Amino acid sequence: MVFESIPPDLLYTNRPHPARIYDYFLGGRDNYEVDRFAAEEIMLALPRIYEAARANREFLHRVVRTVVDAGVRQIIDIGTGIPTSPNTHEVAQALAPGTRVVYVDNDPVVQAHADARLIGARDTVFARADFREPRDILEHPAVTSMIDFSRPVALILIAILHFITELEDPGRCIGELGAALAPGSYLALSHATDDGVTDDAQAAVKIFTQATTPLTLRHRPQVLELFDGFELLAPGLVTVAQWRPDPAGGEPPRFGIYAGAGIKK
C-alpha cells in the first residue's frame, strides 16, 4: 500500500472506514483491525452482509457489461472505493478495448490505492473529487481530459448514495451530473435499504455512526426518485441479485440493497 504522500491523520486508522469495511467483505486485505472489528459487528446484525457485498459487486460487473454492450465507451465511476479486481475498467475494456474510465472518489485512502493499482492502466484515470460537489467533478482536469460530454456516458454510483445524507441531497447531485450528460447516457446505482430486511439493519446504522461516514438507509420510493430524468431499464428497480441475473443461477436471493439502471432519453 502506498500511503507515504498522505498525512497520517487523513488515513483514519483509528476509526472504521466504509471503503475498508467493504474491502473486508469482498475478501480484500486493504483494511485495518478497526475495520475488521466493525465488519464483524455488522455481520452479527446482518448475517448475510458478506453475501450481499458480493452480490453488489456482481451487479457492478453485469451493469458495466450492459452499458458497454449498448455501445457506451465512456464511464464515470463515482465513489469507487478501494480497487478490487476485476474492476470497472477491466470489465469494460475486456469487452471493448479503448473504453475510457474515470474513477472518482473524495477519499485519500482510496486515492492511495488507486494511484498504486492503476499504474500502467490505459484509458483509465482517477480523479479525487466529491460527489456532493458535482461541478468539481465535471470540471476536474482528469475528467475533462478523458470524457467527451457530447457523447453518451455511463454514470455509475455503486453503494455510495447511502453515505449521502438527506441534507446533502443525493437527488440534487445526480441531477446536476445528469444534466451534463448527452442523451443515450446511462445511470446505474445501488443503494442499501431496510425494506423487507428481517435482520437488525438499524444496528448496522449505529455501527456506521462510529465510522468516518454515517449510513442513511432509504425506502424504494426514495431510491426511485433518484432516477428522475432517466428511463429505467428492465427489470426496473429490484434487489441487487435480481437485476439481470445469470439464468443458470436459479432463483436469485433477496438482499437489502436496491439496484437499477436507466437511460437518458
Protein backbone atom coordinates (compact mmCIF):
# COMPACT_ATOMS: atom_id res chain seq x y z
CA MET A 1 0.00 0.00 0.00
CA VAL A 2 1.23 3.47 -0.88
CA PHE A 3 0.37 5.92 1.85
CA GLU A 4 3.56 7.96 2.05
CA SER A 5 2.08 11.03 0.36
CA ILE A 6 -0.97 11.17 2.64
CA PRO A 7 -0.87 12.81 6.08
CA PRO A 8 -1.41 10.15 8.77
CA ASP A 9 -4.40 12.00 10.23
CA LEU A 10 -6.26 11.51 6.92
CA LEU A 11 -5.90 7.72 6.97
CA TYR A 12 -8.37 7.34 9.85
CA THR A 13 -6.68 4.18 11.07
CA ASN A 14 -8.33 4.58 14.48
CA ARG A 15 -11.88 4.66 13.08
CA PRO A 16 -13.78 2.21 10.84
CA HIS A 17 -13.74 3.26 7.23
CA PRO A 18 -16.56 2.30 4.78
CA ALA A 19 -14.21 1.58 1.87
CA ARG A 20 -12.01 -0.66 4.00
CA ILE A 21 -15.04 -2.39 5.57
CA TYR A 22 -16.34 -3.13 2.07
CA ASP A 23 -12.89 -4.36 1.09
CA TYR A 24 -13.03 -6.79 4.03
CA PHE A 25 -16.46 -8.06 2.96
CA LEU A 26 -15.05 -8.69 -0.52
CA GLY A 27 -12.18 -10.69 0.91
CA GLY A 28 -9.56 -7.98 0.42
CA ARG A 29 -6.54 -7.26 2.56
CA ASP A 30 -6.55 -3.46 2.46
CA ASN A 31 -8.13 -2.96 5.87
CA TYR A 32 -7.16 -2.48 9.50
CA GLU A 33 -8.14 -4.14 12.75
CA VAL A 34 -10.66 -1.39 13.50
CA ASP A 35 -12.33 -2.06 10.12
CA ARG A 36 -12.41 -5.80 10.66
CA PHE A 37 -13.91 -5.37 14.12
CA ALA A 38 -16.66 -3.11 12.73
CA ALA A 39 -17.27 -5.52 9.86
CA GLU A 40 -17.69 -8.44 12.25
CA GLU A 41 -20.11 -6.37 14.35
CA ILE A 42 -22.13 -5.60 11.24
CA MET A 43 -22.16 -9.28 10.31
CA LEU A 44 -23.64 -10.12 13.72
CA ALA A 45 -26.52 -7.73 12.97
CA LEU A 46 -26.75 -8.63 9.29
CA PRO A 47 -25.52 -12.21 8.83
CA ARG A 48 -25.97 -12.07 5.05
CA ILE A 49 -23.99 -8.85 4.53
CA TYR A 50 -20.98 -10.84 3.32
CA GLU A 51 -23.09 -12.36 0.52
CA ALA A 52 -24.80 -9.04 -0.14
CA ALA A 53 -21.47 -7.26 -0.69
CA ARG A 54 -20.51 -9.84 -3.27
CA ALA A 55 -23.90 -9.60 -4.94
CA ASN A 56 -23.42 -5.84 -5.12
CA ARG A 57 -20.03 -6.34 -6.77
CA GLU A 58 -21.52 -8.78 -9.27
CA PHE A 59 -24.20 -6.21 -10.11
CA LEU A 60 -21.43 -3.75 -10.97
CA HIS A 61 -19.94 -6.26 -13.39
CA ARG A 62 -23.30 -7.00 -15.03
CA VAL A 63 -24.29 -3.36 -15.42
CA VAL A 64 -20.89 -2.44 -16.89
CA ARG A 65 -21.28 -5.21 -19.44
CA THR A 66 -24.81 -3.97 -20.18
CA VAL A 67 -23.79 -0.38 -20.95
CA VAL A 68 -20.76 -1.46 -22.98
CA ASP A 69 -22.90 -3.89 -24.97
CA ALA A 70 -25.21 -0.92 -25.64
CA GLY A 71 -22.31 0.95 -27.24
CA VAL A 72 -21.19 3.25 -24.41
CA ARG A 73 -17.43 3.80 -24.42
CA GLN A 74 -17.13 6.31 -21.57
CA ILE A 75 -17.72 5.54 -17.89
CA ILE A 76 -17.55 7.70 -14.77
CA ASP A 77 -17.49 5.53 -11.65
CA ILE A 78 -18.08 7.74 -8.59
CA GLY A 79 -17.45 6.53 -5.06
CA THR A 80 -15.42 3.71 -6.49
CA GLY A 81 -13.85 2.62 -3.20
CA ILE A 82 -10.64 0.61 -2.87
CA PRO A 83 -9.91 -1.05 -6.24
CA THR A 84 -10.84 -4.74 -6.26
CA SER A 85 -10.18 -6.79 -9.38
CA PRO A 86 -11.96 -7.16 -11.71
CA ASN A 87 -12.83 -3.51 -11.51
CA THR A 88 -14.91 -1.33 -13.83
CA HIS A 89 -12.16 -0.62 -16.35
CA GLU A 90 -11.11 -4.26 -16.53
CA VAL A 91 -14.66 -5.46 -17.22
CA ALA A 92 -15.38 -2.71 -19.75
CA GLN A 93 -12.09 -2.87 -21.62
CA ALA A 94 -12.20 -6.68 -21.85
CA LEU A 95 -15.36 -6.23 -23.92
CA ALA A 96 -14.39 -3.05 -25.75
CA PRO A 97 -10.72 -2.05 -25.66
CA GLY A 98 -10.34 1.70 -25.60
CA THR A 99 -13.35 2.29 -23.34
CA ARG A 100 -12.46 5.29 -21.20
CA VAL A 101 -12.99 5.02 -17.47
CA VAL A 102 -12.67 7.71 -14.83
CA TYR A 103 -12.78 6.66 -11.18
CA VAL A 104 -13.88 9.40 -8.79
CA ASP A 105 -13.63 9.39 -5.00
CA ASN A 106 -13.02 12.08 -2.40
CA ASP A 107 -11.17 9.73 -0.08
CA PRO A 108 -7.35 9.95 0.27
CA VAL A 109 -7.28 6.29 1.31
CA VAL A 110 -8.94 5.30 -1.96
CA GLN A 111 -6.66 7.64 -3.90
CA ALA A 112 -3.57 5.97 -2.45
CA HIS A 113 -4.74 2.54 -3.57
CA ALA A 114 -5.91 3.78 -6.96
CA ASP A 115 -2.59 5.51 -7.64
CA ALA A 116 -0.80 2.23 -6.93
CA ARG A 117 -3.20 -0.11 -8.72
CA LEU A 118 -3.77 1.93 -11.87
CA ILE A 119 -0.11 2.31 -12.81
CA GLY A 120 0.15 1.28 -16.45
CA ALA A 121 -3.62 1.08 -16.99
CA ARG A 122 -4.62 2.52 -20.36
CA ASP A 123 -7.60 4.81 -20.91
CA THR A 124 -8.17 4.87 -17.16
CA VAL A 125 -7.62 7.68 -14.64
CA PHE A 126 -8.51 8.60 -11.08
CA ALA A 127 -9.94 11.97 -10.02
CA ARG A 128 -10.10 12.96 -6.40
CA ALA A 129 -13.37 14.87 -6.10
CA ASP A 130 -16.53 14.81 -4.02
CA PHE A 131 -19.91 13.54 -5.30
CA ARG A 132 -21.55 16.24 -3.18
CA GLU A 133 -19.84 18.87 -5.36
CA PRO A 134 -20.88 17.84 -8.88
CA ARG A 135 -19.35 20.87 -10.56
CA ASP A 136 -15.94 19.94 -9.18
CA ILE A 137 -16.28 16.52 -10.81
CA LEU A 138 -17.43 17.87 -14.14
CA GLU A 139 -14.59 20.41 -14.25
CA HIS A 140 -11.85 18.15 -12.87
CA PRO A 141 -8.91 18.02 -15.34
CA ALA A 142 -8.81 14.21 -15.22
CA VAL A 143 -12.48 14.11 -16.17
CA THR A 144 -12.37 16.75 -18.89
CA SER A 145 -9.29 15.16 -20.44
CA MET A 146 -10.95 11.76 -20.69
CA ILE A 147 -14.70 12.34 -21.14
CA ASP A 148 -16.49 13.86 -24.12
CA PHE A 149 -19.81 15.02 -22.70
CA SER A 150 -21.30 15.44 -26.17
CA ARG A 151 -21.38 11.64 -26.40
CA PRO A 152 -23.12 9.08 -24.14
CA VAL A 153 -21.55 8.38 -20.76
CA ALA A 154 -22.36 5.75 -18.15
CA LEU A 155 -22.55 7.29 -14.68
CA ILE A 156 -22.06 4.57 -12.08
CA LEU A 157 -22.88 5.08 -8.40
CA ILE A 158 -22.40 1.75 -6.65
CA ALA A 159 -23.02 1.70 -2.88
CA ILE A 160 -22.25 5.41 -2.44
CA LEU A 161 -25.65 7.07 -2.12
CA HIS A 162 -26.44 5.56 1.29
CA PHE A 163 -23.44 7.51 2.55
CA ILE A 164 -25.04 10.76 1.39
CA THR A 165 -27.41 12.31 3.91
CA GLU A 166 -30.77 13.90 3.17
CA LEU A 167 -29.26 17.29 3.98
CA GLU A 168 -26.58 16.68 1.35
CA ASP A 169 -29.39 15.85 -1.12
CA PRO A 170 -28.29 12.98 -3.38
CA GLY A 171 -31.05 13.80 -5.87
CA ARG A 172 -29.61 17.28 -6.42
CA CYS A 173 -26.15 15.84 -7.01
CA ILE A 174 -27.38 13.27 -9.52
CA GLY A 175 -29.49 15.93 -11.21
CA GLU A 176 -26.50 18.23 -11.75
CA LEU A 177 -24.37 15.40 -13.08
CA GLY A 178 -27.18 14.08 -15.24
CA ALA A 179 -27.80 17.49 -16.79
CA ALA A 180 -24.28 17.39 -18.23
CA LEU A 181 -24.79 14.01 -19.88
CA ALA A 182 -25.80 13.55 -23.51
CA PRO A 183 -28.97 11.67 -24.47
CA GLY A 184 -28.27 7.96 -24.58
CA SER A 185 -26.25 8.16 -21.36
CA TYR A 186 -26.90 5.77 -18.50
CA LEU A 187 -27.23 6.00 -14.74
CA ALA A 188 -26.59 2.85 -12.70
CA LEU A 189 -26.76 2.73 -8.92
CA SER A 190 -27.15 0.50 -5.90
CA HIS A 191 -28.46 1.63 -2.53
CA ALA A 192 -28.85 -0.01 0.90
CA THR A 193 -32.33 -0.31 2.39
CA ASP A 194 -34.11 -1.91 5.32
CA ASP A 195 -37.20 -2.68 3.22
CA GLY A 196 -38.10 -6.31 3.84
CA VAL A 197 -34.98 -6.89 5.91
CA THR A 198 -35.67 -9.09 8.92
CA ASP A 199 -32.18 -8.64 10.38
CA ASP A 200 -31.26 -5.69 12.56
CA ALA A 201 -30.39 -3.14 9.89
CA GLN A 202 -30.54 -0.29 12.39
CA ALA A 203 -27.73 -1.93 14.36
CA ALA A 204 -25.56 -1.55 11.27
CA VAL A 205 -26.60 2.10 11.02
CA LYS A 206 -25.45 2.63 14.62
CA ILE A 207 -22.10 0.99 13.90
CA PHE A 208 -21.52 3.34 10.97
CA THR A 209 -22.11 6.36 13.21
CA GLN A 210 -18.71 5.46 14.70
CA ALA A 211 -17.15 5.30 11.24
CA THR A 212 -15.82 8.12 9.08
CA THR A 213 -19.14 8.29 7.18
CA PRO A 214 -22.66 7.62 8.53
CA LEU A 215 -25.16 5.34 6.80
CA THR A 216 -28.56 6.54 5.53
CA LEU A 217 -30.97 3.77 4.53
CA ARG A 218 -33.76 4.69 2.08
CA HIS A 219 -37.02 3.08 1.02
CA ARG A 220 -37.86 2.06 -2.53
CA PRO A 221 -39.84 5.23 -3.47
CA GLN A 222 -36.90 7.36 -2.31
CA VAL A 223 -34.45 5.37 -4.42
CA LEU A 224 -36.77 5.52 -7.43
CA GLU A 225 -36.75 9.32 -7.20
CA LEU A 226 -33.00 9.27 -7.80
CA PHE A 227 -33.68 8.12 -11.39
CA ASP A 228 -35.52 11.34 -12.24
CA GLY A 229 -34.67 12.14 -15.87
CA PHE A 230 -33.75 8.54 -16.69
CA GLU A 231 -35.97 5.77 -18.04
CA LEU A 232 -35.44 2.57 -16.07
CA LEU A 233 -34.24 -0.48 -17.95
CA ALA A 234 -35.90 -3.84 -17.33
CA PRO A 235 -36.33 -5.28 -14.75
CA GLY A 236 -36.65 -1.87 -13.07
CA LEU A 237 -35.57 -1.20 -9.53
CA VAL A 238 -35.09 -4.56 -7.82
CA THR A 239 -32.89 -6.01 -5.13
CA VAL A 240 -29.30 -6.30 -6.24
CA ALA A 241 -29.10 -10.02 -7.08
CA GLN A 242 -32.36 -9.79 -9.03
CA TRP A 243 -31.03 -7.33 -11.62
CA ARG A 244 -30.47 -9.35 -14.80
CA PRO A 245 -29.12 -12.43 -13.01
CA ASP A 246 -27.47 -15.37 -14.73
CA PRO A 247 -30.42 -17.53 -15.88
CA ALA A 248 -28.45 -20.63 -14.93
CA GLY A 249 -28.07 -19.44 -11.35
CA GLY A 250 -31.57 -20.34 -10.19
CA GLU A 251 -33.81 -18.07 -8.12
CA PRO A 252 -31.70 -15.08 -7.00
CA PRO A 253 -31.65 -14.26 -3.28
CA ARG A 254 -33.06 -11.01 -1.92
CA PHE A 255 -30.70 -8.67 -0.11
CA GLY A 256 -31.25 -5.27 1.48
CA ILE A 257 -29.74 -3.44 -1.47
CA TYR A 258 -31.70 -1.96 -4.36
CA ALA A 259 -30.16 -1.80 -7.81
CA GLY A 260 -31.17 -0.39 -11.17
CA ALA A 261 -30.05 1.31 -14.34
CA GLY A 262 -31.71 3.91 -16.53
CA ILE A 263 -31.13 5.64 -19.85
CA LYS A 264 -31.37 9.36 -20.52
CA LYS A 265 -33.74 9.99 -23.42
